[in-house]
Protein backbone atom coordinates (compact mmCIF):
# COMPACT_ATOMS: atom_id res chain seq x y z
CA MET A 1 115.46 106.92 82.70
CA ASN A 2 115.30 106.07 79.03
CA SER A 3 114.65 108.86 76.54
CA LEU A 4 111.46 109.92 75.38
CA LEU A 5 108.60 111.25 77.11
CA ILE A 6 110.96 113.76 78.92
CA ALA A 7 114.72 112.43 78.01
CA SER A 8 111.38 110.21 76.29
CA ALA A 9 112.65 112.70 78.73
CA PHE A 10 115.15 114.74 77.19
CA SER A 11 116.30 113.65 73.70
CA VAL A 12 117.97 115.41 71.01
CA ILE A 13 115.80 115.53 67.94
CA VAL A 14 117.08 114.43 64.48
CA SER A 15 115.11 115.96 61.55
CA ALA A 16 114.20 114.80 58.05
CA ALA A 17 111.63 115.82 55.65
CA PRO A 18 108.46 113.63 55.20
CA THR A 19 107.90 112.48 51.67
CA ALA A 20 103.98 112.27 51.77
CA THR A 21 100.99 113.17 54.01
CA PRO A 22 98.52 110.43 54.69
CA LYS A 23 94.86 111.41 54.97
CA VAL A 24 93.74 111.43 58.52
CA SER A 25 90.67 109.39 59.31
CA PRO A 26 87.76 111.22 61.04
CA ASN A 27 87.98 109.10 64.08
CA ALA A 28 91.69 109.78 64.51
CA GLN A 29 91.05 113.55 63.97
CA THR A 30 88.23 113.60 66.65
CA LEU A 31 90.41 111.96 69.05
CA ALA A 32 93.38 114.07 68.41
CA ASP A 33 91.22 117.18 68.76
CA LYS A 34 90.19 115.88 72.21
CA VAL A 35 93.81 115.53 73.24
CA GLN A 36 94.78 118.94 71.94
CA GLN A 37 91.84 120.66 73.65
CA PHE A 38 92.63 119.06 77.01
CA TYR A 39 96.33 120.04 77.08
CA ASP A 40 95.62 123.55 75.41
CA LYS A 41 93.53 124.27 78.76
CA LEU A 42 96.04 122.52 81.05
CA GLU A 43 97.72 124.80 83.53
CA ASP A 44 99.35 122.17 85.66
CA TYR A 45 99.20 118.33 86.00
CA GLN A 46 100.24 115.64 88.50
CA ALA A 47 99.86 111.88 88.24
CA ASP A 48 101.50 108.60 89.51
CA PHE A 49 103.18 106.63 86.86
CA VAL A 50 104.40 103.09 86.26
CA GLN A 51 107.02 102.80 83.53
CA ARG A 52 108.03 99.58 81.89
CA TYR A 53 111.05 99.66 79.48
CA HIS A 54 111.49 96.60 77.31
CA ARG A 55 114.99 95.96 75.84
CA THR A 56 114.43 93.67 72.87
CA ALA A 57 117.83 92.51 72.24
CA LEU A 58 118.16 91.21 76.02
CA SER A 59 114.45 90.20 76.24
CA LYS A 60 114.35 92.10 79.50
CA THR A 61 111.55 94.45 80.90
CA SER A 62 112.47 96.78 83.78
CA GLU A 63 109.82 98.56 85.85
CA SER A 64 110.03 101.84 87.61
CA SER A 65 107.38 103.97 89.35
CA GLY A 66 106.96 107.57 90.71
CA THR A 67 105.20 110.86 90.20
CA LEU A 68 104.95 113.11 87.15
CA THR A 69 104.39 116.92 87.63
CA LEU A 70 103.96 119.37 84.81
CA LYS A 71 103.13 123.24 84.60
CA LYS A 72 103.05 125.51 81.69
CA GLY A 73 106.11 127.38 80.99
CA GLY A 74 108.12 124.34 80.31
CA LYS A 75 108.18 123.23 84.06
CA VAL A 76 108.38 119.49 84.91
CA ARG A 77 109.31 117.35 87.88
CA TRP A 78 109.80 113.76 87.05
CA SER A 79 110.28 111.84 90.37
CA TYR A 80 111.31 108.22 90.39
CA GLU A 81 110.60 106.51 93.63
CA GLN A 82 110.81 102.73 92.88
CA PRO A 83 113.18 100.81 92.56
CA GLY A 84 115.46 103.69 93.29
CA VAL A 85 115.17 107.59 93.74
CA ARG A 86 116.00 109.64 90.80
CA LEU A 87 114.78 113.22 90.01
CA PHE A 88 114.54 115.17 86.61
CA ILE A 89 113.46 118.77 87.43
CA ALA A 90 113.15 121.72 85.00
CA ASN A 91 112.11 125.20 85.49
CA GLY A 92 111.86 126.20 82.09
CA LYS A 93 115.41 127.35 81.76
CA THR A 94 117.68 125.10 83.94
CA LEU A 95 117.43 121.19 84.06
CA TRP A 96 118.66 119.30 87.14
CA VAL A 97 119.30 115.53 86.95
CA TYR A 98 119.90 114.02 90.43
CA GLU A 99 120.78 110.39 91.32
CA PRO A 100 121.36 110.03 95.07
CA GLU A 101 123.13 106.73 94.60
CA GLU A 102 125.55 108.35 92.33
CA GLU A 103 125.90 111.39 94.63
CA GLN A 104 125.87 113.54 91.59
CA VAL A 105 123.69 116.19 90.00
CA ILE A 106 123.90 117.16 86.29
CA VAL A 107 122.85 120.72 85.54
CA ASP A 108 121.88 122.16 82.02
CA GLN A 109 121.46 125.81 82.37
CA GLN A 110 120.34 126.19 78.82
CA PHE A 111 117.50 123.76 78.84
CA SER A 112 114.18 124.55 77.30
CA ILE A 113 111.19 122.55 76.17
CA ASP A 114 112.19 123.38 72.61
CA LYS A 115 114.95 120.76 73.11
CA LEU A 116 112.11 118.15 73.51
CA GLY A 117 110.94 118.99 69.77
CA GLY A 118 107.43 119.59 68.55
CA SER A 119 106.65 116.08 69.39
CA LEU A 120 106.27 116.71 73.09
CA ALA A 121 105.26 120.43 72.99
CA PHE A 122 101.48 119.72 73.29
CA LEU A 123 101.97 118.60 76.88
CA TRP A 124 102.58 122.13 77.68
CA GLY A 125 99.95 123.51 75.47
CA LYS A 126 102.24 124.48 72.71
CA GLY A 127 102.18 123.35 69.07
CA GLN A 128 99.56 121.16 67.30
CA LEU A 129 99.46 117.47 67.11
CA GLU A 130 98.66 117.64 63.26
CA THR A 131 101.76 119.66 62.71
CA SER A 132 104.22 117.23 64.27
CA PHE A 133 102.62 113.86 63.58
CA PHE A 134 100.74 111.74 61.11
CA LEU A 135 97.57 110.54 62.99
CA SER A 136 95.64 107.28 62.90
CA ILE A 137 93.63 104.65 64.88
CA PRO A 138 95.79 101.49 65.33
CA SER A 139 94.30 97.96 65.41
CA SER A 140 94.64 96.16 68.71
CA GLU A 141 97.42 94.03 67.21
CA HIS A 142 99.53 97.01 67.13
CA HIS A 143 99.41 97.98 71.00
CA ASP A 144 98.48 96.16 74.31
CA PHE A 145 95.98 98.55 75.76
CA GLY A 146 93.05 96.24 75.01
CA LYS A 147 90.27 96.08 72.26
CA GLU A 148 88.02 98.36 74.29
CA ALA A 149 90.66 101.28 74.80
CA LYS A 150 90.50 104.49 72.84
CA VAL A 151 93.88 104.71 71.17
CA LEU A 152 95.58 107.19 68.91
CA GLU A 153 98.81 106.48 67.02
CA LEU A 154 101.21 109.29 66.33
CA ARG A 155 103.94 108.72 63.74
CA PRO A 156 106.47 111.78 63.86
CA LYS A 157 106.97 113.81 60.67
CA THR A 158 110.40 114.88 61.40
CA ASP A 159 111.61 113.26 64.66
CA GLN A 160 113.52 110.01 63.85
CA THR A 161 114.59 109.14 67.31
CA TYR A 162 111.52 106.81 67.37
CA LYS A 163 109.01 105.09 65.01
CA ARG A 164 105.57 105.91 66.63
CA LEU A 165 104.04 106.92 69.77
CA VAL A 166 100.69 105.27 70.90
CA LEU A 167 98.38 107.22 73.37
CA LYS A 168 95.59 105.52 75.37
CA VAL A 169 93.04 108.31 75.70
CA ASP A 170 90.02 109.03 77.97
CA PRO A 171 87.59 109.86 75.06
CA GLU A 172 85.35 112.10 77.42
CA SER A 173 88.26 114.45 78.59
CA GLY A 174 91.02 113.87 76.13
CA ARG A 175 93.39 113.07 78.91
CA VAL A 176 96.21 110.69 78.13
CA GLU A 177 96.04 107.67 80.38
CA GLY A 178 98.98 105.76 79.02
CA THR A 179 101.73 105.91 76.39
CA ILE A 180 103.95 103.50 74.48
CA VAL A 181 106.97 104.79 72.48
CA PHE A 182 108.21 102.38 69.78
CA GLU A 183 111.93 103.15 69.40
CA THR A 184 113.90 102.78 66.28
CA SER A 185 116.02 100.19 68.07
CA GLY A 186 112.89 97.88 68.69
CA ASN A 187 112.83 98.64 72.37
CA THR A 188 109.51 99.93 73.83
CA ASN A 189 108.99 102.54 76.42
CA ARG A 190 105.44 102.22 78.25
CA PHE A 191 103.94 104.69 80.72
CA GLU A 192 100.61 104.23 82.71
CA PHE A 193 99.20 107.31 84.58
CA THR A 194 96.89 107.13 87.34
CA ASN A 195 95.42 109.39 90.11
CA PRO A 196 95.57 112.51 88.02
CA LYS A 197 95.16 115.94 89.43
CA ILE A 198 94.47 118.79 87.06
CA ASN A 199 94.99 122.64 87.54
CA GLN A 200 95.84 122.75 91.21
CA GLY A 201 97.70 125.94 91.09
CA LEU A 202 100.97 124.25 91.72
CA ASN A 203 103.78 126.46 93.25
CA ASP A 204 106.71 127.16 91.06
CA ALA A 205 109.00 126.02 93.86
CA LEU A 206 108.18 122.62 92.90
CA PHE A 207 110.34 123.02 89.89
CA GLU A 208 113.48 124.45 91.50
CA PHE A 209 116.22 122.34 92.88
CA VAL A 210 119.19 123.04 95.32
CA PRO A 211 121.90 120.38 95.18
CA PRO A 212 122.50 118.64 98.54
CA LYS A 213 125.72 119.43 100.32
CA GLY A 214 128.69 117.23 99.45
CA VAL A 215 127.23 115.91 96.02
CA GLU A 216 129.16 116.32 92.85
CA VAL A 217 127.78 118.93 90.49
CA VAL A 218 128.42 118.59 86.77
CA HIS A 219 127.54 121.36 84.33
CA ALA A 220 126.34 119.99 80.99
CA ARG A 221 128.39 121.52 78.06
CA ALA A 222 126.44 123.82 75.76
CA SER A 223 125.55 122.16 72.51
């Protein structure tokens, strides 16, 4: 899985101070407030996803699909089902990355959502979008969600691992229905989320993982 929305999923953040603060348009502020309010109230979330990662240099797009599950407290279960099984599971303190075909589990026992930076903290009801991003409403030429979609563009103030993040937003609820990450390399990482289930009272056991017998366990070095 490529990095950003949880390595975009678990990327290392590089910071640099912004030089100016553009004025936020009223429409962008209203949509951002909707998104913020939705995730502030979110206790847990589950949805199916389709990911399309486009490598510009190769003119190649790969497609994957599976299920994303989030819960407050930095808990996440990112389960890939097609074209191959991969699991990214975090309980707020430990991250497990399991690829059955490799017969290997990577374990990071010092993981926290703080490693994701403020750019993704809002997904767990932490932080403020205005603090981490410059907000705007992009024209349809700058995304491919369609002219009728309600779209919010987020340009990171300090995170230089990507140029911008575009969110397709349900204007009634503030729920994010799709995202496109525009990376500094020119690659794009797109997710579409369907069949959302909100605040089900998910069991914490979903965010624990016991490596299967016989697989290699590799412990990540402390950074």
